[in-house]
Amino acid sequence: MSKSYQERKEASVCTRKGCDAPASETSFLCEAHRLATAATMARVREKRRRRGFCPRCGKHRVKRSEYACRPCLTYLGQLGTRIVATNVAPSGDLAVRTRDKDNRLRYHGKGSRGRQPLIETDKEDLKEAQRALSRGTQGLIDYWTEDVQSGPKALKADQRAVALAKLEQCQRWIDEVLVRNGVKPALVDPDEEEIAGPTRKGGR
């Protein structure tokens, strides 16, 4: 009987159906499937850009000089830098966090085993809260600008949704700290999933 996606994640096995290779250190896919997926997405992004659409989500039109649409830039924390930059990772988060073989979120510089001091966990969660608050604030302010208000309805809706989602994410990081320090009761069903930004064309 084949393993489910969640079972593969927990076993640190490539989540691509039919593959039993170990997952790579920075992905839930094995190294071969990770590279193949990256190459495919690079071709998709280039095709979207040639057609004048955001290379990340494929939903909104962008100028050739722009890296991505406003909602995607809000999600990535790059709203103030709309011009295309070369040799820059699409998200600073990738340089900060990866998942270890135990499927635990790890910050670079931390050991792969053992539990780090609570103060360090609190500091990291608060940094994430500050990052989410900054992105949500910038996104919501940008939503009320004339450029966005006079633009397409879909762009307005996505910009508002991403900005508010980032503010909600900020609250969740803060709640983690409050729960950990006994100020609030543990959440019944904590949402540990990352916000993925605007939905891509053709599903996720």
C-alpha atoms as a PDB file:
ATOM      1  CA  MET A   1       0.000   0.000   0.000  1.00  0.00           C
ATOM      2  CA  SER A   2       1.439   3.361  -1.033  1.00  0.00           C
ATOM      3  CA  LYS A   3       2.193   5.945   1.632  1.00  0.00           C
ATOM      4  CA  SER A   4       0.156   9.122   1.907  1.00  0.00           C
ATOM      5  CA  TYR A   5       1.732  12.537   1.416  1.00  0.00           C
ATOM      6  CA  GLN A   6       1.797  13.162   5.176  1.00  0.00           C
ATOM      7  CA  GLU A   7       3.334   9.742   5.862  1.00  0.00           C
ATOM      8  CA  ARG A   8       6.081  10.466   3.338  1.00  0.00           C
ATOM      9  CA  LYS A   9       6.800  13.815   4.953  1.00  0.00           C
ATOM     10  CA  GLU A  10       7.024  12.297   8.412  1.00  0.00           C
ATOM     11  CA  ALA A  11       9.314   9.522   7.135  1.00  0.00           C
ATOM     12  CA  SER A  12      11.588  12.048   5.346  1.00  0.00           C
ATOM     13  CA  VAL A  13      10.893  10.274   2.045  1.00  0.00           C
ATOM     14  CA  CYS A  14      10.360  12.115  -1.241  1.00  0.00           C
ATOM     15  CA  THR A  15       6.707  13.189  -1.405  1.00  0.00           C
ATOM     16  CA  ARG A  16       6.501  12.515  -5.160  1.00  0.00           C
ATOM     17  CA  LYS A  17       4.243   9.488  -5.612  1.00  0.00           C
ATOM     18  CA  GLY A  18       6.155   6.346  -6.535  1.00  0.00           C
ATOM     19  CA  CYS A  19       9.543   7.651  -5.382  1.00  0.00           C
ATOM     20  CA  ASP A  20      11.160   6.150  -2.283  1.00  0.00           C
ATOM     21  CA  ALA A  21      14.360   8.209  -2.324  1.00  0.00           C
ATOM     22  CA  PRO A  22      15.188  10.203   0.823  1.00  0.00           C
ATOM     23  CA  ALA A  23      14.047  13.820   0.883  1.00  0.00           C
ATOM     24  CA  SER A  24      16.720  16.457   0.351  1.00  0.00           C
ATOM     25  CA  GLU A  25      17.810  18.701   3.212  1.00  0.00           C
ATOM     26  CA  THR A  26      15.944  21.758   1.917  1.00  0.00           C
ATOM     27  CA  SER A  27      12.830  20.181   0.421  1.00  0.00           C
ATOM     28  CA  PHE A  28      10.203  17.484   0.917  1.00  0.00           C
ATOM     29  CA  LEU A  29      11.294  16.134  -2.478  1.00  0.00           C
ATOM     30  CA  CYS A  30      14.388  14.062  -3.199  1.00  0.00           C
ATOM     31  CA  GLU A  31      17.272  15.931  -4.828  1.00  0.00           C
ATOM     32  CA  ALA A  32      16.461  14.656  -8.333  1.00  0.00           C
ATOM     33  CA  HIS A  33      12.784  15.642  -8.148  1.00  0.00           C
ATOM     34  CA  ARG A  34      13.656  18.947  -6.470  1.00  0.00           C
ATOM     35  CA  LEU A  35      15.959  19.899  -9.338  1.00  0.00           C
ATOM     36  CA  ALA A  36      13.446  18.722 -11.945  1.00  0.00           C
ATOM     37  CA  THR A  37      10.645  20.725 -10.301  1.00  0.00           C
ATOM     38  CA  ALA A  38      12.856  23.812 -10.076  1.00  0.00           C
ATOM     39  CA  ALA A  39      13.718  23.537 -13.781  1.00  0.00           C
ATOM     40  CA  THR A  40      10.045  23.128 -14.706  1.00  0.00           C
ATOM     41  CA  MET A  41       9.008  26.138 -12.632  1.00  0.00           C
ATOM     42  CA  ALA A  42      11.804  28.214 -14.179  1.00  0.00           C
ATOM     43  CA  ARG A  43      10.370  27.474 -17.625  1.00  0.00           C
ATOM     44  CA  VAL A  44       6.850  28.292 -16.410  1.00  0.00           C
ATOM     45  CA  ARG A  45       7.997  31.606 -14.925  1.00  0.00           C
ATOM     46  CA  GLU A  46       9.814  32.562 -18.104  1.00  0.00           C
ATOM     47  CA  LYS A  47       6.740  31.731 -20.204  1.00  0.00           C
ATOM     48  CA  ARG A  48       4.536  33.872 -17.937  1.00  0.00           C
ATOM     49  CA  ARG A  49       6.988  36.765 -18.124  1.00  0.00           C
ATOM     50  CA  ARG A  50       7.098  36.635 -21.934  1.00  0.00           C
ATOM     51  CA  ARG A  51       3.299  36.899 -21.936  1.00  0.00           C
ATOM     52  CA  GLY A  52       3.418  39.909 -19.617  1.00  0.00           C
ATOM     53  CA  PHE A  53       2.122  38.208 -16.469  1.00  0.00           C
ATOM     54  CA  CYS A  54       3.581  37.888 -12.988  1.00  0.00           C
ATOM     55  CA  PRO A  55       6.096  35.037 -13.226  1.00  0.00           C
ATOM     56  CA  ARG A  56       5.259  33.865  -9.698  1.00  0.00           C
ATOM     57  CA  CYS A  57       1.464  33.554  -9.702  1.00  0.00           C
ATOM     58  CA  GLY A  58       0.618  34.030 -13.393  1.00  0.00           C
ATOM     59  CA  LYS A  59      -2.528  36.004 -12.538  1.00  0.00           C
ATOM     60  CA  HIS A  60      -1.688  39.691 -12.845  1.00  0.00           C
ATOM     61  CA  ARG A  61      -0.012  41.682 -15.604  1.00  0.00           C
ATOM     62  CA  VAL A  62       3.370  43.231 -14.819  1.00  0.00           C
ATOM     63  CA  LYS A  63       5.828  45.403 -16.704  1.00  0.00           C
ATOM     64  CA  ARG A  64       8.957  43.714 -18.048  1.00  0.00           C
ATOM     65  CA  SER A  65      11.036  45.681 -15.542  1.00  0.00           C
ATOM     66  CA  GLU A  66       9.029  44.399 -12.556  1.00  0.00           C
ATOM     67  CA  TYR A  67       9.994  41.308 -10.571  1.00  0.00           C
ATOM     68  CA  ALA A  68       6.428  40.278  -9.694  1.00  0.00           C
ATOM     69  CA  CYS A  69       2.910  41.618  -9.092  1.00  0.00           C
ATOM     70  CA  ARG A  70       2.045  43.630  -5.987  1.00  0.00           C
ATOM     71  CA  PRO A  71       0.382  40.784  -4.049  1.00  0.00           C
ATOM     72  CA  CYS A  72       3.366  38.487  -4.627  1.00  0.00           C
ATOM     73  CA  LEU A  73       5.817  41.218  -3.651  1.00  0.00           C
ATOM     74  CA  THR A  74       3.798  41.797  -0.489  1.00  0.00           C
ATOM     75  CA  TYR A  75       4.021  38.106   0.349  1.00  0.00           C
ATOM     76  CA  LEU A  76       7.773  38.038  -0.355  1.00  0.00           C
ATOM     77  CA  GLY A  77       8.440  41.223   1.630  1.00  0.00           C
ATOM     78  CA  GLN A  78       9.803  42.987  -1.453  1.00  0.00           C
ATOM     79  CA  LEU A  79       7.049  45.511  -2.105  1.00  0.00           C
ATOM     80  CA  GLY A  80       9.517  48.395  -1.966  1.00  0.00           C
ATOM     81  CA  THR A  81      11.672  46.763  -4.661  1.00  0.00           C
ATOM     82  CA  ARG A  82       9.513  46.229  -7.707  1.00  0.00           C
ATOM     83  CA  ILE A  83      12.304  46.320 -10.286  1.00  0.00           C
ATOM     84  CA  VAL A  84      13.754  43.008 -11.428  1.00  0.00           C
ATOM     85  CA  ALA A  85      16.901  42.063  -9.524  1.00  0.00           C
ATOM     86  CA  THR A  86      19.266  39.370 -10.791  1.00  0.00           C
ATOM     87  CA  ASN A  87      20.882  36.667  -8.652  1.00  0.00           C
ATOM     88  CA  VAL A  88      18.532  37.391  -5.750  1.00  0.00           C
ATOM     89  CA  ALA A  89      16.597  34.638  -4.011  1.00  0.00           C
ATOM     90  CA  PRO A  90      12.795  35.119  -4.332  1.00  0.00           C
ATOM     91  CA  SER A  91      12.382  35.033  -0.579  1.00  0.00           C
ATOM     92  CA  GLY A  92      14.712  35.872   2.271  1.00  0.00           C
ATOM     93  CA  ASP A  93      12.976  33.174   4.323  1.00  0.00           C
ATOM     94  CA  LEU A  94      14.770  30.495   2.307  1.00  0.00           C
ATOM     95  CA  ALA A  95      18.101  31.705   3.635  1.00  0.00           C
ATOM     96  CA  VAL A  96      16.846  31.568   7.205  1.00  0.00           C
ATOM     97  CA  ARG A  97      14.923  28.332   7.625  1.00  0.00           C
ATOM     98  CA  THR A  98      14.987  24.756   6.372  1.00  0.00           C
ATOM     99  CA  ARG A  99      13.503  21.498   7.615  1.00  0.00           C
ATOM    100  CA  ASP A 100      15.647  18.798   9.157  1.00  0.00           C
ATOM    101  CA  LYS A 101      15.328  15.032   8.763  1.00  0.00           C
ATOM    102  CA  ASP A 102      12.861  14.942  11.648  1.00  0.00           C
ATOM    103  CA  ASN A 103      10.579  17.259   9.633  1.00  0.00           C
ATOM    104  CA  ARG A 104      11.151  20.058  12.146  1.00  0.00           C
ATOM    105  CA  LEU A 105      11.588  23.671  11.106  1.00  0.00           C
ATOM    106  CA  ARG A 106      15.214  24.621  11.729  1.00  0.00           C
ATOM    107  CA  TYR A 107      16.895  28.007  11.677  1.00  0.00           C
ATOM    108  CA  HIS A 108      20.357  28.106  10.118  1.00  0.00           C
ATOM    109  CA  GLY A 109      23.069  27.872  12.735  1.00  0.00           C
ATOM    110  CA  LYS A 110      21.019  25.620  15.019  1.00  0.00           C
ATOM    111  CA  GLY A 111      21.917  21.998  15.681  1.00  0.00           C
ATOM    112  CA  SER A 112      19.931  19.247  13.978  1.00  0.00           C
ATOM    113  CA  ARG A 113      19.212  17.498  17.271  1.00  0.00           C
ATOM    114  CA  GLY A 114      17.932  18.531  20.663  1.00  0.00           C
ATOM    115  CA  ARG A 115      15.672  21.337  21.770  1.00  0.00           C
ATOM    116  CA  GLN A 116      16.992  24.886  21.791  1.00  0.00           C
ATOM    117  CA  PRO A 117      16.444  27.167  24.825  1.00  0.00           C
ATOM    118  CA  LEU A 118      12.955  28.669  25.028  1.00  0.00           C
ATOM    119  CA  ILE A 119      14.331  32.203  24.890  1.00  0.00           C
ATOM    120  CA  GLU A 120      15.853  31.439  21.493  1.00  0.00           C
ATOM    121  CA  THR A 121      12.555  30.010  20.247  1.00  0.00           C
ATOM    122  CA  ASP A 122      10.728  33.103  21.530  1.00  0.00           C
ATOM    123  CA  LYS A 123      13.227  35.427  19.837  1.00  0.00           C
ATOM    124  CA  GLU A 124      12.884  33.616  16.522  1.00  0.00           C
ATOM    125  CA  ASP A 125       9.072  33.585  16.677  1.00  0.00           C
ATOM    126  CA  LEU A 126       9.011  37.297  17.511  1.00  0.00           C
ATOM    127  CA  LYS A 127      11.285  38.016  14.563  1.00  0.00           C
ATOM    128  CA  GLU A 128       8.836  36.138  12.351  1.00  0.00           C
ATOM    129  CA  ALA A 129       5.985  38.157  13.866  1.00  0.00           C
ATOM    130  CA  GLN A 130       7.826  41.410  13.113  1.00  0.00           C
ATOM    131  CA  ARG A 131       8.502  40.275   9.555  1.00  0.00           C
ATOM    132  CA  ALA A 132       4.857  39.356   8.991  1.00  0.00           C
ATOM    133  CA  LEU A 133       3.662  42.616  10.580  1.00  0.00           C
ATOM    134  CA  SER A 134       5.965  44.661   8.357  1.00  0.00           C
ATOM    135  CA  ARG A 135       4.804  42.886   5.210  1.00  0.00           C
ATOM    136  CA  GLY A 136       1.156  43.097   6.163  1.00  0.00           C
ATOM    137  CA  THR A 137       1.441  46.783   7.018  1.00  0.00           C
ATOM    138  CA  GLN A 138       3.206  47.647   3.778  1.00  0.00           C
ATOM    139  CA  GLY A 139       0.733  45.579   1.805  1.00  0.00           C
ATOM    140  CA  LEU A 140      -2.334  47.181   3.381  1.00  0.00           C
ATOM    141  CA  ILE A 141      -0.954  50.700   2.919  1.00  0.00           C
ATOM    142  CA  ASP A 142      -0.210  49.876  -0.716  1.00  0.00           C
ATOM    143  CA  TYR A 143      -3.746  48.517  -1.119  1.00  0.00           C
ATOM    144  CA  TRP A 144      -5.155  51.994  -0.451  1.00  0.00           C
ATOM    145  CA  THR A 145      -2.918  53.726  -3.003  1.00  0.00           C
ATOM    146  CA  GLU A 146      -4.450  55.165  -6.154  1.00  0.00           C
ATOM    147  CA  ASP A 147      -2.551  52.698  -8.354  1.00  0.00           C
ATOM    148  CA  VAL A 148      -4.190  49.710  -6.690  1.00  0.00           C
ATOM    149  CA  GLN A 149      -7.631  51.250  -6.117  1.00  0.00           C
ATOM    150  CA  SER A 150      -7.899  52.206  -9.773  1.00  0.00           C
ATOM    151  CA  GLY A 151      -6.518  48.867 -10.972  1.00  0.00           C
ATOM    152  CA  PRO A 152      -8.202  45.558 -11.809  1.00  0.00           C
ATOM    153  CA  LYS A 153     -10.590  44.130  -9.200  1.00  0.00           C
ATOM    154  CA  ALA A 154      -8.664  40.847  -9.040  1.00  0.00           C
ATOM    155  CA  LEU A 155      -5.443  42.678  -8.204  1.00  0.00           C
ATOM    156  CA  LYS A 156      -7.194  44.687  -5.485  1.00  0.00           C
ATOM    157  CA  ALA A 157      -8.719  41.557  -3.975  1.00  0.00           C
ATOM    158  CA  ASP A 158      -5.424  39.659  -3.934  1.00  0.00           C
ATOM    159  CA  GLN A 159      -3.461  42.596  -2.537  1.00  0.00           C
ATOM    160  CA  ARG A 160      -5.920  43.018   0.328  1.00  0.00           C
ATOM    161  CA  ALA A 161      -6.126  39.274   1.005  1.00  0.00           C
ATOM    162  CA  VAL A 162      -2.340  38.802   1.170  1.00  0.00           C
ATOM    163  CA  ALA A 163      -1.835  41.872   3.376  1.00  0.00           C
ATOM    164  CA  LEU A 164      -4.503  40.761   5.858  1.00  0.00           C
ATOM    165  CA  ALA A 165      -3.221  37.191   5.808  1.00  0.00           C
ATOM    166  CA  LYS A 166       0.237  38.463   6.774  1.00  0.00           C
ATOM    167  CA  LEU A 167      -1.281  40.374   9.699  1.00  0.00           C
ATOM    168  CA  GLU A 168      -3.087  37.202  10.785  1.00  0.00           C
ATOM    169  CA  GLN A 169       0.199  35.321  10.511  1.00  0.00           C
ATOM    170  CA  CYS A 170       1.799  37.916  12.779  1.00  0.00           C
ATOM    171  CA  GLN A 171      -0.894  37.237  15.366  1.00  0.00           C
ATOM    172  CA  ARG A 172      -0.275  33.489  15.169  1.00  0.00           C
ATOM    173  CA  TRP A 173       3.464  33.915  15.819  1.00  0.00           C
ATOM    174  CA  ILE A 174       2.676  36.115  18.824  1.00  0.00           C
ATOM    175  CA  ASP A 175       0.126  33.578  20.072  1.00  0.00           C
ATOM    176  CA  GLU A 176       2.838  30.902  19.913  1.00  0.00           C
ATOM    177  CA  VAL A 177       4.983  32.970  22.270  1.00  0.00           C
ATOM    178  CA  LEU A 178       2.080  33.715  24.615  1.00  0.00           C
ATOM    179  CA  VAL A 179       1.056  30.049  24.776  1.00  0.00           C
ATOM    180  CA  ARG A 180       4.645  28.932  25.333  1.00  0.00           C
ATOM    181  CA  ASN A 181       4.991  31.345  28.250  1.00  0.00           C
ATOM    182  CA  GLY A 182       1.696  30.393  29.865  1.00  0.00           C
ATOM    183  CA  VAL A 183      -0.154  33.633  29.130  1.00  0.00           C
ATOM    184  CA  LYS A 184      -2.695  31.985  26.833  1.00  0.00           C
ATOM    185  CA  PRO A 185      -4.055  28.420  26.792  1.00  0.00           C
ATOM    186  CA  ALA A 186      -2.796  26.081  24.084  1.00  0.00           C
ATOM    187  CA  LEU A 187      -4.645  26.353  20.803  1.00  0.00           C
ATOM    188  CA  VAL A 188      -7.119  23.553  20.085  1.00  0.00           C
ATOM    189  CA  ASP A 189      -6.153  23.291  16.404  1.00  0.00           C
ATOM    190  CA  PRO A 190      -3.000  25.351  15.722  1.00  0.00           C
ATOM    191  CA  ASP A 191      -2.473  26.325  12.101  1.00  0.00           C
ATOM    192  CA  GLU A 192       1.166  25.641  11.311  1.00  0.00           C
ATOM    193  CA  GLU A 193       0.982  26.074   7.550  1.00  0.00           C
ATOM    194  CA  GLU A 194       2.831  28.932   5.792  1.00  0.00           C
ATOM    195  CA  ILE A 195       0.742  31.405   3.872  1.00  0.00           C
ATOM    196  CA  ALA A 196       1.420  30.680   0.234  1.00  0.00           C
ATOM    197  CA  GLY A 197       0.519  34.048  -1.252  1.00  0.00           C
ATOM    198  CA  PRO A 198      -1.809  34.500  -4.228  1.00  0.00           C
ATOM    199  CA  THR A 199      -3.172  31.240  -5.608  1.00  0.00           C
ATOM    200  CA  ARG A 200      -1.411  30.224  -8.802  1.00  0.00           C
ATOM    201  CA  LYS A 201      -3.263  29.580 -12.000  1.00  0.00           C
ATOM    202  CA  GLY A 202      -4.212  25.957 -12.341  1.00  0.00           C
ATOM    203  CA  GLY A 203      -4.245  25.282  -8.602  1.00  0.00           C
ATOM    204  CA  ARG A 204      -1.427  24.901  -6.093  1.00  0.00           C
END
